[in-house]
């Protein structure tokens, strides 16, 4: 019998334009030209209006671990509602399980060192972030602009690197088939060498989102 996670992967894989990374270690897809240039530009404007320094869970004391800026995007904005509709149609995941949409901005020299999107069950912040809604399941990330140099997303354990391209979506399952966390989803938001990188990220949880 297929798991719920398998059903999501099957639905995503049937979408025209979706490509699956050929790996048995993790379920990862990309979809080029998922978002239009106009919608991407509207989301960039929202990010610039509300950006703040990014933070991390289980702070490891490295002040340079995540140097980007983050924006909690307003749910009532037309551009946000449009992309939420597109993501729901792609994945089939009930929107109730989704965290609020976030935007990130990386200036030259900024990065997010190798990390996973799930909260480590052994981490000191695990209960704080997972008590109500459970751990993160799927990640959907969309590049909102082309970057002159740098800014790739590297999955070292999968030997796969994705270059930022306007409108390109990456998505992956943060879990193993047995429901445990998948450490092979470790990824690095590499330094922007020239230009600025904008992305939006949507995370889904094991239970309906309760904030």
N, C-alpha and C. Protein backbone atom coordinates (compact mmCIF):
# COMPACT_ATOMS: atom_id res chain seq x y z
N UNK A 1 0.84 -1.20 0.00
CA UNK A 1 0.00 0.00 0.00
C UNK A 1 0.89 1.26 0.00
N UNK A 2 0.50 2.23 -0.82
CA UNK A 2 1.26 3.47 -0.88
C UNK A 2 1.08 4.28 0.40
N UNK A 3 2.17 4.91 0.86
CA UNK A 3 2.06 5.83 1.97
C UNK A 3 1.54 7.16 1.46
N UNK A 4 1.13 8.02 2.40
CA UNK A 4 0.66 9.36 2.02
C UNK A 4 1.76 10.11 1.28
N UNK A 5 3.00 9.94 1.75
CA UNK A 5 4.13 10.60 1.10
C UNK A 5 4.32 10.11 -0.33
N UNK A 6 4.17 8.81 -0.53
CA UNK A 6 4.29 8.25 -1.88
C UNK A 6 3.21 8.81 -2.80
N UNK A 7 2.02 9.00 -2.26
CA UNK A 7 0.92 9.54 -3.07
C UNK A 7 1.23 10.95 -3.54
N UNK A 8 1.83 11.74 -2.66
CA UNK A 8 2.22 13.11 -3.03
C UNK A 8 3.26 13.06 -4.14
N UNK A 9 4.26 12.21 -3.98
CA UNK A 9 5.31 12.10 -4.98
C UNK A 9 4.74 11.66 -6.32
N UNK A 10 3.79 10.74 -6.29
CA UNK A 10 3.17 10.26 -7.53
C UNK A 10 2.43 11.39 -8.23
N UNK A 11 1.70 12.20 -7.46
CA UNK A 11 0.97 13.30 -8.06
C UNK A 11 1.92 14.32 -8.67
N UNK A 12 2.98 14.66 -7.95
CA UNK A 12 3.93 15.64 -8.47
C UNK A 12 4.57 15.13 -9.76
N UNK A 13 4.92 13.85 -9.77
CA UNK A 13 5.61 13.26 -10.92
C UNK A 13 4.77 13.27 -12.20
N UNK A 14 3.44 13.34 -12.05
CA UNK A 14 2.57 13.32 -13.23
C UNK A 14 2.44 14.69 -13.88
N UNK A 15 2.92 15.73 -13.22
CA UNK A 15 2.79 17.08 -13.73
C UNK A 15 3.72 17.30 -14.93
N UNK A 16 3.19 17.83 -15.99
CA UNK A 16 4.01 18.14 -17.17
C UNK A 16 5.11 19.13 -16.79
N UNK A 17 6.33 18.82 -17.16
CA UNK A 17 7.46 19.70 -16.87
C UNK A 17 8.25 19.32 -15.65
N UNK A 18 7.73 18.39 -14.85
CA UNK A 18 8.43 17.97 -13.63
C UNK A 18 9.50 16.94 -13.98
N UNK A 19 10.67 17.10 -13.35
CA UNK A 19 11.76 16.15 -13.50
C UNK A 19 12.15 15.62 -12.12
N UNK A 20 12.34 14.32 -12.03
CA UNK A 20 12.73 13.71 -10.76
C UNK A 20 14.23 13.43 -10.75
N UNK A 21 14.88 13.75 -9.65
CA UNK A 21 16.30 13.47 -9.51
C UNK A 21 16.48 11.96 -9.39
N UNK A 22 17.34 11.37 -10.22
CA UNK A 22 17.51 9.92 -10.18
C UNK A 22 18.36 9.48 -8.98
N UNK A 23 17.72 9.32 -7.85
CA UNK A 23 18.42 8.92 -6.63
C UNK A 23 17.50 8.06 -5.77
N UNK A 24 18.07 7.04 -5.15
CA UNK A 24 17.30 6.21 -4.22
C UNK A 24 17.41 6.75 -2.80
N UNK A 25 18.25 7.76 -2.62
CA UNK A 25 18.49 8.28 -1.28
C UNK A 25 17.42 9.25 -0.81
N UNK A 26 16.79 9.96 -1.74
CA UNK A 26 15.79 10.96 -1.38
C UNK A 26 14.88 11.22 -2.57
N UNK A 27 13.67 11.70 -2.28
CA UNK A 27 12.70 12.05 -3.32
C UNK A 27 12.79 13.54 -3.57
N UNK A 28 13.34 13.92 -4.72
CA UNK A 28 13.57 15.32 -5.07
C UNK A 28 13.10 15.56 -6.51
N UNK A 29 12.38 16.66 -6.70
CA UNK A 29 11.90 17.04 -8.03
C UNK A 29 12.32 18.47 -8.36
N UNK A 30 12.39 18.79 -9.66
CA UNK A 30 12.49 20.17 -10.09
C UNK A 30 11.47 20.41 -11.19
N UNK A 31 11.04 21.66 -11.29
CA UNK A 31 10.08 22.06 -12.32
C UNK A 31 10.50 23.45 -12.80
N UNK A 32 11.10 23.52 -13.98
CA UNK A 32 11.50 24.82 -14.52
C UNK A 32 10.28 25.60 -14.99
N UNK A 33 10.36 26.91 -14.91
CA UNK A 33 9.30 27.81 -15.38
C UNK A 33 7.97 27.55 -14.65
N UNK A 34 8.05 27.19 -13.37
CA UNK A 34 6.83 26.93 -12.60
C UNK A 34 6.09 28.23 -12.30
N UNK A 35 6.82 29.32 -12.10
CA UNK A 35 6.25 30.62 -11.75
C UNK A 35 6.55 31.62 -12.85
N UNK A 36 5.56 32.43 -13.20
CA UNK A 36 5.75 33.45 -14.24
C UNK A 36 6.64 34.58 -13.74
N UNK A 37 7.23 35.30 -14.68
CA UNK A 37 8.10 36.43 -14.33
C UNK A 37 7.32 37.51 -13.59
N UNK A 38 6.09 37.76 -13.97
CA UNK A 38 5.28 38.79 -13.31
C UNK A 38 4.98 38.42 -11.86
N UNK A 39 4.61 37.15 -11.64
CA UNK A 39 4.31 36.73 -10.27
C UNK A 39 5.58 36.74 -9.43
N UNK A 40 6.69 36.31 -10.01
CA UNK A 40 7.95 36.34 -9.28
C UNK A 40 8.32 37.77 -8.87
N UNK A 41 8.14 38.72 -9.78
CA UNK A 41 8.47 40.11 -9.48
C UNK A 41 7.61 40.66 -8.35
N UNK A 42 6.34 40.27 -8.33
CA UNK A 42 5.44 40.72 -7.26
C UNK A 42 5.89 40.17 -5.91
N UNK A 43 6.35 38.92 -5.90
CA UNK A 43 6.81 38.30 -4.65
C UNK A 43 8.12 38.94 -4.19
N UNK A 44 9.00 39.29 -5.11
CA UNK A 44 10.24 39.97 -4.77
C UNK A 44 9.95 41.31 -4.09
N UNK A 45 8.97 42.03 -4.62
CA UNK A 45 8.59 43.32 -4.02
C UNK A 45 8.13 43.14 -2.58
N UNK A 46 7.34 42.10 -2.34
CA UNK A 46 6.87 41.81 -0.98
C UNK A 46 8.03 41.46 -0.05
N UNK A 47 8.97 40.68 -0.55
CA UNK A 47 10.13 40.30 0.27
C UNK A 47 10.94 41.54 0.66
N UNK A 48 11.19 42.42 -0.32
CA UNK A 48 11.96 43.62 -0.03
C UNK A 48 11.28 44.52 1.00
N UNK A 49 9.95 44.49 1.01
CA UNK A 49 9.20 45.36 1.93
C UNK A 49 9.20 44.84 3.36
N UNK A 50 9.42 43.53 3.54
CA UNK A 50 9.28 42.97 4.89
C UNK A 50 10.45 42.15 5.38
N UNK A 51 11.61 42.28 4.75
CA UNK A 51 12.72 41.41 5.12
C UNK A 51 13.36 41.80 6.45
N UNK A 52 13.88 40.77 7.11
CA UNK A 52 14.55 40.88 8.40
C UNK A 52 15.65 39.82 8.46
N UNK A 53 16.59 39.91 9.39
CA UNK A 53 17.65 38.89 9.47
C UNK A 53 17.06 37.49 9.70
N UNK A 54 17.60 36.51 8.99
CA UNK A 54 17.14 35.14 9.15
C UNK A 54 17.64 34.55 10.46
N UNK A 55 16.93 33.55 10.96
CA UNK A 55 17.30 32.86 12.20
C UNK A 55 17.34 31.36 11.94
N UNK A 56 17.85 30.59 12.90
CA UNK A 56 17.87 29.14 12.78
C UNK A 56 17.42 28.51 14.09
N UNK A 57 16.92 27.27 13.99
CA UNK A 57 16.63 26.47 15.18
C UNK A 57 17.92 25.79 15.62
N UNK A 58 17.99 25.42 16.91
CA UNK A 58 19.18 24.75 17.44
C UNK A 58 20.45 25.53 17.09
N UNK A 59 20.47 26.79 17.46
CA UNK A 59 21.60 27.67 17.15
C UNK A 59 22.92 27.01 17.55
N UNK A 60 23.84 26.91 16.58
CA UNK A 60 25.12 26.24 16.84
C UNK A 60 26.24 27.21 17.19
N UNK A 61 25.92 28.47 17.34
CA UNK A 61 26.93 29.45 17.72
C UNK A 61 27.70 30.05 16.57
N UNK A 62 27.45 29.59 15.35
CA UNK A 62 28.14 30.12 14.17
C UNK A 62 27.31 31.28 13.61
N UNK A 63 27.77 32.50 13.84
CA UNK A 63 27.02 33.68 13.40
C UNK A 63 26.94 33.79 11.89
N UNK A 64 27.79 33.05 11.19
CA UNK A 64 27.81 33.09 9.72
C UNK A 64 27.11 31.88 9.11
N UNK A 65 26.40 31.10 9.92
CA UNK A 65 25.78 29.88 9.41
C UNK A 65 24.65 30.20 8.43
N UNK A 66 23.85 31.19 8.77
CA UNK A 66 22.77 31.64 7.89
C UNK A 66 22.77 33.16 7.88
N UNK A 67 23.16 33.72 6.77
CA UNK A 67 23.37 35.17 6.72
C UNK A 67 22.35 35.89 5.84
N UNK A 68 21.35 35.17 5.38
CA UNK A 68 20.33 35.76 4.52
C UNK A 68 19.34 36.61 5.32
N UNK A 69 18.36 37.16 4.59
CA UNK A 69 17.23 37.84 5.22
C UNK A 69 15.95 37.08 4.87
N UNK A 70 14.97 37.17 5.76
CA UNK A 70 13.72 36.42 5.64
C UNK A 70 12.53 37.37 5.69
N UNK A 71 11.47 37.00 5.01
CA UNK A 71 10.22 37.76 5.06
C UNK A 71 9.06 36.81 5.27
N UNK A 72 8.23 37.08 6.28
CA UNK A 72 6.98 36.34 6.47
C UNK A 72 5.95 36.99 5.56
N UNK A 73 5.61 36.32 4.48
CA UNK A 73 4.78 36.93 3.45
C UNK A 73 3.32 37.03 3.89
N UNK A 74 2.66 38.15 3.61
CA UNK A 74 1.27 38.36 4.05
C UNK A 74 0.31 37.44 3.30
N UNK A 75 -0.45 36.64 4.04
CA UNK A 75 -1.33 35.64 3.43
C UNK A 75 -2.42 36.26 2.57
N UNK A 76 -2.77 37.53 2.83
CA UNK A 76 -3.87 38.15 2.08
C UNK A 76 -3.40 38.84 0.80
N UNK A 77 -2.09 38.82 0.53
CA UNK A 77 -1.58 39.44 -0.69
C UNK A 77 -1.94 38.59 -1.90
N UNK A 78 -2.33 39.23 -2.98
CA UNK A 78 -2.75 38.50 -4.17
C UNK A 78 -1.69 37.57 -4.71
N UNK A 79 -0.42 38.03 -4.72
CA UNK A 79 0.66 37.20 -5.23
C UNK A 79 0.86 35.96 -4.37
N UNK A 80 0.70 36.11 -3.07
CA UNK A 80 0.85 34.97 -2.16
C UNK A 80 -0.28 33.97 -2.38
N UNK A 81 -1.49 34.47 -2.52
CA UNK A 81 -2.62 33.57 -2.76
C UNK A 81 -2.47 32.83 -4.08
N UNK A 82 -1.92 33.49 -5.08
CA UNK A 82 -1.72 32.86 -6.38
C UNK A 82 -0.73 31.70 -6.29
N UNK A 83 0.40 31.93 -5.63
CA UNK A 83 1.40 30.87 -5.55
C UNK A 83 0.92 29.74 -4.65
N UNK A 84 0.20 30.07 -3.60
CA UNK A 84 -0.36 29.02 -2.74
C UNK A 84 -1.30 28.11 -3.54
N UNK A 85 -2.10 28.69 -4.40
CA UNK A 85 -3.01 27.91 -5.24
C UNK A 85 -2.23 26.99 -6.18
N UNK A 86 -1.17 27.51 -6.76
CA UNK A 86 -0.34 26.70 -7.66
C UNK A 86 0.31 25.53 -6.92
N UNK A 87 0.80 25.77 -5.72
CA UNK A 87 1.46 24.72 -4.95
C UNK A 87 0.47 23.64 -4.53
N UNK A 88 -0.73 24.04 -4.15
CA UNK A 88 -1.74 23.05 -3.78
C UNK A 88 -2.11 22.18 -4.97
N UNK A 89 -2.26 22.80 -6.14
CA UNK A 89 -2.60 22.05 -7.34
C UNK A 89 -1.48 21.07 -7.71
N UNK A 90 -0.24 21.46 -7.50
CA UNK A 90 0.90 20.59 -7.82
C UNK A 90 0.99 19.40 -6.89
N UNK A 91 0.88 19.65 -5.59
CA UNK A 91 1.16 18.61 -4.59
C UNK A 91 -0.05 17.82 -4.14
N UNK A 92 -1.21 18.47 -4.14
CA UNK A 92 -2.39 17.83 -3.59
C UNK A 92 -2.43 17.83 -2.07
N UNK A 93 -1.47 18.48 -1.43
CA UNK A 93 -1.43 18.53 0.03
C UNK A 93 -2.48 19.52 0.54
N UNK A 94 -3.23 19.13 1.54
CA UNK A 94 -4.23 20.01 2.15
C UNK A 94 -3.52 21.27 2.66
N UNK A 95 -3.96 22.46 2.23
CA UNK A 95 -3.32 23.70 2.68
C UNK A 95 -3.27 23.85 4.20
N UNK A 96 -4.15 23.17 4.91
CA UNK A 96 -4.17 23.28 6.37
C UNK A 96 -2.86 22.80 6.99
N UNK A 97 -2.11 21.97 6.28
CA UNK A 97 -0.86 21.43 6.79
C UNK A 97 0.34 22.34 6.49
N UNK A 98 0.13 23.43 5.78
CA UNK A 98 1.22 24.28 5.36
C UNK A 98 1.56 25.39 6.33
N UNK A 99 2.84 25.63 6.51
CA UNK A 99 3.29 26.81 7.24
C UNK A 99 3.03 28.04 6.36
N UNK A 100 2.96 29.23 6.95
CA UNK A 100 2.86 30.45 6.14
C UNK A 100 4.04 30.56 5.18
N UNK A 101 3.80 31.08 4.01
CA UNK A 101 4.84 31.21 3.00
C UNK A 101 5.92 32.17 3.47
N UNK A 102 7.17 31.80 3.22
CA UNK A 102 8.31 32.65 3.57
C UNK A 102 9.09 33.03 2.33
N UNK A 103 9.69 34.21 2.36
CA UNK A 103 10.61 34.63 1.32
C UNK A 103 11.99 34.82 1.92
N UNK A 104 13.02 34.61 1.09
CA UNK A 104 14.38 34.83 1.54
C UNK A 104 15.14 35.65 0.50
N UNK A 105 16.03 36.49 0.98
CA UNK A 105 16.87 37.33 0.12
C UNK A 105 18.32 37.11 0.50
N UNK A 106 19.16 36.81 -0.50
CA UNK A 106 20.60 36.61 -0.30
C UNK A 106 21.35 37.67 -1.09
N UNK A 107 22.05 38.55 -0.39
CA UNK A 107 22.92 39.53 -1.05
C UNK A 107 24.27 38.88 -1.34
N UNK A 108 25.14 39.59 -2.01
CA UNK A 108 26.47 39.05 -2.32
C UNK A 108 27.19 38.62 -1.04
N UNK A 109 27.72 37.40 -1.06
CA UNK A 109 28.46 36.88 0.08
C UNK A 109 27.60 36.15 1.10
N UNK A 110 26.28 36.22 0.96
CA UNK A 110 25.41 35.58 1.93
C UNK A 110 25.12 34.14 1.52
N UNK A 111 24.86 33.30 2.53
CA UNK A 111 24.62 31.88 2.29
C UNK A 111 23.82 31.28 3.45
N UNK A 112 23.44 30.01 3.28
CA UNK A 112 22.89 29.20 4.35
C UNK A 112 23.66 27.89 4.29
N UNK A 113 24.57 27.71 5.24
CA UNK A 113 25.46 26.55 5.22
C UNK A 113 24.66 25.24 5.27
N UNK A 114 25.31 24.10 4.99
CA UNK A 114 24.58 22.82 4.89
C UNK A 114 23.68 22.56 6.10
N UNK A 115 22.42 22.26 5.79
CA UNK A 115 21.40 22.09 6.83
C UNK A 115 20.29 21.20 6.28
N UNK A 116 19.42 20.77 7.17
CA UNK A 116 18.20 20.07 6.76
C UNK A 116 17.01 20.93 7.16
N UNK A 117 15.89 20.73 6.50
CA UNK A 117 14.69 21.51 6.81
C UNK A 117 13.89 20.92 7.97
N UNK A 118 14.03 19.62 8.20
CA UNK A 118 13.32 19.03 9.34
C UNK A 118 14.00 19.45 10.64
N UNK A 119 13.26 19.36 11.72
CA UNK A 119 13.81 19.65 13.04
C UNK A 119 14.36 18.34 13.62
N UNK A 120 15.62 18.37 14.00
CA UNK A 120 16.27 17.15 14.50
C UNK A 120 15.58 16.66 15.76
N UNK A 121 15.12 15.40 15.77
CA UNK A 121 14.42 14.87 16.96
C UNK A 121 15.25 14.97 18.23
N UNK A 122 16.59 15.00 18.08
CA UNK A 122 17.46 15.10 19.26
C UNK A 122 17.81 16.55 19.59
N UNK A 123 17.34 17.49 18.79
CA UNK A 123 17.69 18.89 19.00
C UNK A 123 16.98 19.51 20.19
N UNK A 124 17.61 20.49 20.79
CA UNK A 124 17.03 21.11 21.98
C UNK A 124 15.78 21.92 21.67
N UNK A 125 15.60 22.32 20.41
CA UNK A 125 14.42 23.11 20.04
C UNK A 125 13.31 22.26 19.41
N UNK A 126 13.50 20.93 19.41
CA UNK A 126 12.53 20.06 18.73
C UNK A 126 11.12 20.22 19.30
N UNK A 127 10.99 20.15 20.61
CA UNK A 127 9.65 20.25 21.21
C UNK A 127 9.03 21.62 20.95
N UNK A 128 9.85 22.66 21.02
CA UNK A 128 9.36 24.02 20.80
C UNK A 128 8.71 24.16 19.43
N UNK A 129 9.33 23.58 18.40
CA UNK A 129 8.85 23.77 17.04
C UNK A 129 7.89 22.69 16.55
N UNK A 130 7.86 21.54 17.22
CA UNK A 130 7.10 20.41 16.69
C UNK A 130 5.97 19.93 17.59
N UNK A 131 5.83 20.50 18.78
CA UNK A 131 4.83 20.00 19.72
C UNK A 131 3.41 20.06 19.17
N UNK A 132 3.07 21.11 18.44
CA UNK A 132 1.70 21.29 17.98
C UNK A 132 1.43 20.70 16.60
N UNK A 133 2.34 20.91 15.67
CA UNK A 133 2.08 20.55 14.28
C UNK A 133 2.95 19.42 13.75
N UNK A 134 3.81 18.88 14.59
CA UNK A 134 4.70 17.82 14.13
C UNK A 134 5.84 18.37 13.31
N UNK A 135 6.64 17.46 12.77
CA UNK A 135 7.83 17.86 12.02
C UNK A 135 7.47 18.26 10.60
N UNK A 136 8.44 18.84 9.91
CA UNK A 136 8.24 19.18 8.51
C UNK A 136 8.29 17.93 7.64
N UNK A 137 7.44 17.91 6.64
CA UNK A 137 7.39 16.79 5.71
C UNK A 137 7.99 17.21 4.38
N UNK A 138 7.24 17.93 3.58
CA UNK A 138 7.71 18.37 2.26
C UNK A 138 8.19 19.81 2.28
N UNK A 139 9.19 20.08 1.46
CA UNK A 139 9.69 21.43 1.20
C UNK A 139 9.45 21.78 -0.26
N UNK A 140 8.95 22.98 -0.53
CA UNK A 140 8.82 23.52 -1.88
C UNK A 140 9.54 24.86 -1.91
N UNK A 141 10.51 25.00 -2.77
CA UNK A 141 11.30 26.22 -2.86
C UNK A 141 11.33 26.70 -4.31
N UNK A 142 11.14 27.99 -4.50
CA UNK A 142 11.09 28.56 -5.85
C UNK A 142 12.07 29.72 -5.96
N UNK A 143 12.91 29.67 -6.99
CA UNK A 143 13.80 30.80 -7.29
C UNK A 143 13.00 31.87 -8.01
N UNK A 144 13.15 33.11 -7.55
CA UNK A 144 12.36 34.20 -8.11
C UNK A 144 13.13 35.08 -9.09
N UNK A 145 14.42 34.80 -9.28
CA UNK A 145 15.21 35.59 -10.23
C UNK A 145 16.44 34.81 -10.66
N UNK A 146 17.02 35.25 -11.76
CA UNK A 146 18.32 34.72 -12.18
C UNK A 146 19.41 35.41 -11.35
N UNK A 147 20.48 34.70 -11.07
CA UNK A 147 21.59 35.24 -10.30
C UNK A 147 22.83 35.27 -11.18
N UNK A 148 23.56 36.38 -11.15
CA UNK A 148 24.70 36.54 -12.04
C UNK A 148 25.77 35.48 -11.79
N UNK A 149 26.06 35.22 -10.49
CA UNK A 149 27.06 34.19 -10.16
C UNK A 149 26.80 33.67 -8.75
N UNK A 150 26.94 32.35 -8.59
CA UNK A 150 26.76 31.74 -7.27
C UNK A 150 25.30 31.54 -6.93
N UNK A 151 25.07 31.22 -5.65
CA UNK A 151 23.70 31.07 -5.15
C UNK A 151 23.05 29.74 -5.43
N UNK A 152 23.83 28.74 -5.85
CA UNK A 152 23.25 27.43 -6.14
C UNK A 152 22.81 26.73 -4.85
N UNK A 153 21.94 25.74 -5.01
CA UNK A 153 21.52 24.89 -3.91
C UNK A 153 22.16 23.52 -4.12
N UNK A 154 23.01 23.12 -3.20
CA UNK A 154 23.77 21.87 -3.37
C UNK A 154 23.32 20.82 -2.37
N UNK A 155 22.94 19.66 -2.89
CA UNK A 155 22.64 18.49 -2.08
C UNK A 155 23.87 17.58 -2.15
N UNK A 156 24.77 17.75 -1.22
CA UNK A 156 26.07 17.07 -1.28
C UNK A 156 25.91 15.55 -1.28
N UNK A 157 25.03 15.02 -0.44
CA UNK A 157 24.89 13.57 -0.32
C UNK A 157 24.19 12.95 -1.52
N UNK A 158 23.56 13.78 -2.34
CA UNK A 158 22.93 13.31 -3.57
C UNK A 158 23.78 13.61 -4.79
N UNK A 159 24.89 14.32 -4.57
CA UNK A 159 25.78 14.75 -5.65
C UNK A 159 25.00 15.51 -6.72
N UNK A 160 24.19 16.48 -6.24
CA UNK A 160 23.33 17.24 -7.16
C UNK A 160 23.34 18.71 -6.76
N UNK A 161 23.54 19.58 -7.75
CA UNK A 161 23.54 21.02 -7.51
C UNK A 161 22.57 21.69 -8.47
N UNK A 162 21.71 22.54 -7.94
CA UNK A 162 20.72 23.25 -8.73
C UNK A 162 21.10 24.73 -8.81
N UNK A 163 21.15 25.25 -10.03
CA UNK A 163 21.45 26.66 -10.23
C UNK A 163 20.17 27.48 -10.14
N UNK A 164 20.24 28.68 -9.55
CA UNK A 164 19.04 29.52 -9.46
C UNK A 164 18.62 30.03 -10.83
N UNK A 165 17.37 29.81 -11.18
CA UNK A 165 16.79 30.27 -12.44
C UNK A 165 15.40 30.81 -12.17
N UNK A 166 15.09 31.94 -12.74
CA UNK A 166 13.79 32.57 -12.55
C UNK A 166 12.65 31.56 -12.77
N UNK A 167 11.82 31.39 -11.74
CA UNK A 167 10.63 30.56 -11.86
C UNK A 167 10.81 29.09 -11.59
N UNK A 168 12.05 28.63 -11.34
CA UNK A 168 12.29 27.19 -11.13
C UNK A 168 11.92 26.77 -9.72
N UNK A 169 11.20 25.66 -9.63
CA UNK A 169 10.80 25.10 -8.35
C UNK A 169 11.61 23.85 -8.04
N UNK A 170 12.03 23.72 -6.79
CA UNK A 170 12.59 22.48 -6.25
C UNK A 170 11.66 22.02 -5.15
N UNK A 171 11.45 20.71 -5.05
CA UNK A 171 10.68 20.19 -3.92
C UNK A 171 11.22 18.83 -3.52
N UNK A 172 11.12 18.53 -2.23
CA UNK A 172 11.65 17.25 -1.76
C UNK A 172 10.92 16.82 -0.49
N UNK A 173 10.94 15.50 -0.29
CA UNK A 173 10.37 14.88 0.89
C UNK A 173 11.47 14.78 1.94
N UNK A 174 11.24 15.38 3.09
CA UNK A 174 12.23 15.38 4.17
C UNK A 174 12.24 14.09 4.98
N UNK A 175 11.42 13.11 4.58
CA UNK A 175 11.29 11.89 5.36
C UNK A 175 11.77 10.65 4.60
N UNK A 176 12.05 9.62 5.36
CA UNK A 176 12.33 8.30 4.84
C UNK A 176 11.01 7.56 4.64
N UNK A 177 11.02 6.45 3.89
CA UNK A 177 9.78 5.68 3.70
C UNK A 177 9.11 5.23 5.01
N UNK A 178 9.92 5.03 6.07
CA UNK A 178 9.33 4.59 7.35
C UNK A 178 8.84 5.76 8.20
N UNK A 179 8.94 6.98 7.67
CA UNK A 179 8.48 8.16 8.40
C UNK A 179 9.56 8.88 9.17
N UNK A 180 10.75 8.30 9.28
CA UNK A 180 11.84 8.97 9.96
C UNK A 180 12.41 10.10 9.12
N UNK A 181 13.25 10.92 9.72
CA UNK A 181 13.84 12.05 8.99
C UNK A 181 14.94 11.55 8.05
N UNK A 182 15.06 12.20 6.91
CA UNK A 182 16.00 11.77 5.88
C UNK A 182 17.20 12.72 5.84
N UNK A 183 18.32 12.27 6.38
CA UNK A 183 19.51 13.11 6.44
C UNK A 183 20.13 13.35 5.07
N UNK A 184 19.74 12.56 4.08
CA UNK A 184 20.26 12.76 2.72
C UNK A 184 19.71 14.03 2.08
N UNK A 185 18.72 14.67 2.72
CA UNK A 185 18.20 15.94 2.20
C UNK A 185 19.04 17.14 2.66
N UNK A 186 20.16 16.89 3.29
CA UNK A 186 21.09 17.96 3.65
C UNK A 186 21.39 18.81 2.41
N UNK A 187 21.25 20.13 2.55
CA UNK A 187 21.49 21.00 1.40
C UNK A 187 22.12 22.32 1.83
N UNK A 188 22.80 22.94 0.90
CA UNK A 188 23.57 24.16 1.16
C UNK A 188 23.11 25.25 0.21
N UNK A 189 22.60 26.34 0.77
CA UNK A 189 22.32 27.53 -0.02
C UNK A 189 23.64 28.26 -0.19
N UNK A 190 24.32 28.01 -1.30
CA UNK A 190 25.70 28.47 -1.47
C UNK A 190 25.79 29.99 -1.63
N UNK A 191 26.97 30.52 -1.37
CA UNK A 191 27.17 31.97 -1.40
C UNK A 191 26.83 32.57 -2.76
N UNK A 192 26.14 33.69 -2.71
CA UNK A 192 25.95 34.49 -3.92
C UNK A 192 27.26 35.22 -4.19
N UNK A 193 27.80 35.02 -5.38
CA UNK A 193 29.07 35.65 -5.73
C UNK A 193 28.88 37.02 -6.39
N UNK A 194 27.80 37.14 -7.15
CA UNK A 194 27.51 38.42 -7.80
C UNK A 194 26.01 38.52 -8.02
N UNK A 195 25.43 39.64 -7.59
CA UNK A 195 23.99 39.84 -7.72
C UNK A 195 23.27 39.59 -6.41
N UNK A 196 21.97 39.37 -6.50
CA UNK A 196 21.12 39.09 -5.34
C UNK A 196 20.22 37.91 -5.70
N UNK A 197 19.97 37.04 -4.73
CA UNK A 197 19.09 35.89 -4.96
C UNK A 197 17.84 36.02 -4.10
N UNK A 198 16.68 35.79 -4.74
CA UNK A 198 15.40 35.77 -4.03
C UNK A 198 14.77 34.39 -4.20
N UNK A 199 14.26 33.85 -3.11
CA UNK A 199 13.52 32.59 -3.18
C UNK A 199 12.31 32.68 -2.25
N UNK A 200 11.32 31.82 -2.51
CA UNK A 200 10.26 31.62 -1.55
C UNK A 200 10.27 30.16 -1.15
N UNK A 201 9.84 29.89 0.08
CA UNK A 201 9.84 28.53 0.60
C UNK A 201 8.51 28.23 1.29
N UNK A 202 8.00 27.03 1.01
CA UNK A 202 6.77 26.55 1.63
C UNK A 202 7.07 25.21 2.27
N UNK A 203 6.81 25.11 3.57
CA UNK A 203 6.99 23.85 4.29
C UNK A 203 5.64 23.31 4.74
N UNK A 204 5.52 22.00 4.71
CA UNK A 204 4.32 21.33 5.20
C UNK A 204 4.67 20.48 6.42
N UNK A 205 3.68 20.27 7.27
CA UNK A 205 3.87 19.56 8.53
C UNK A 205 3.11 18.23 8.58
N UNK A 206 3.38 17.46 9.61
CA UNK A 206 2.73 16.17 9.81
C UNK A 206 1.26 16.34 10.23
N UNK A 207 0.99 17.45 10.89
CA UNK A 207 -0.36 17.74 11.38
C UNK A 207 -0.76 19.15 10.90
N UNK A 208 -2.03 19.49 10.95
CA UNK A 208 -2.44 20.84 10.56
C UNK A 208 -1.64 21.91 11.32
N UNK A 209 -1.27 22.95 10.60
CA UNK A 209 -0.45 24.02 11.15
C UNK A 209 -1.21 24.80 12.23
N UNK A 210 -0.55 24.95 13.39
CA UNK A 210 -1.15 25.70 14.50
C UNK A 210 -0.29 26.88 14.93
N UNK A 211 0.73 27.20 14.17
CA UNK A 211 1.54 28.37 14.50
C UNK A 211 2.59 28.09 15.55
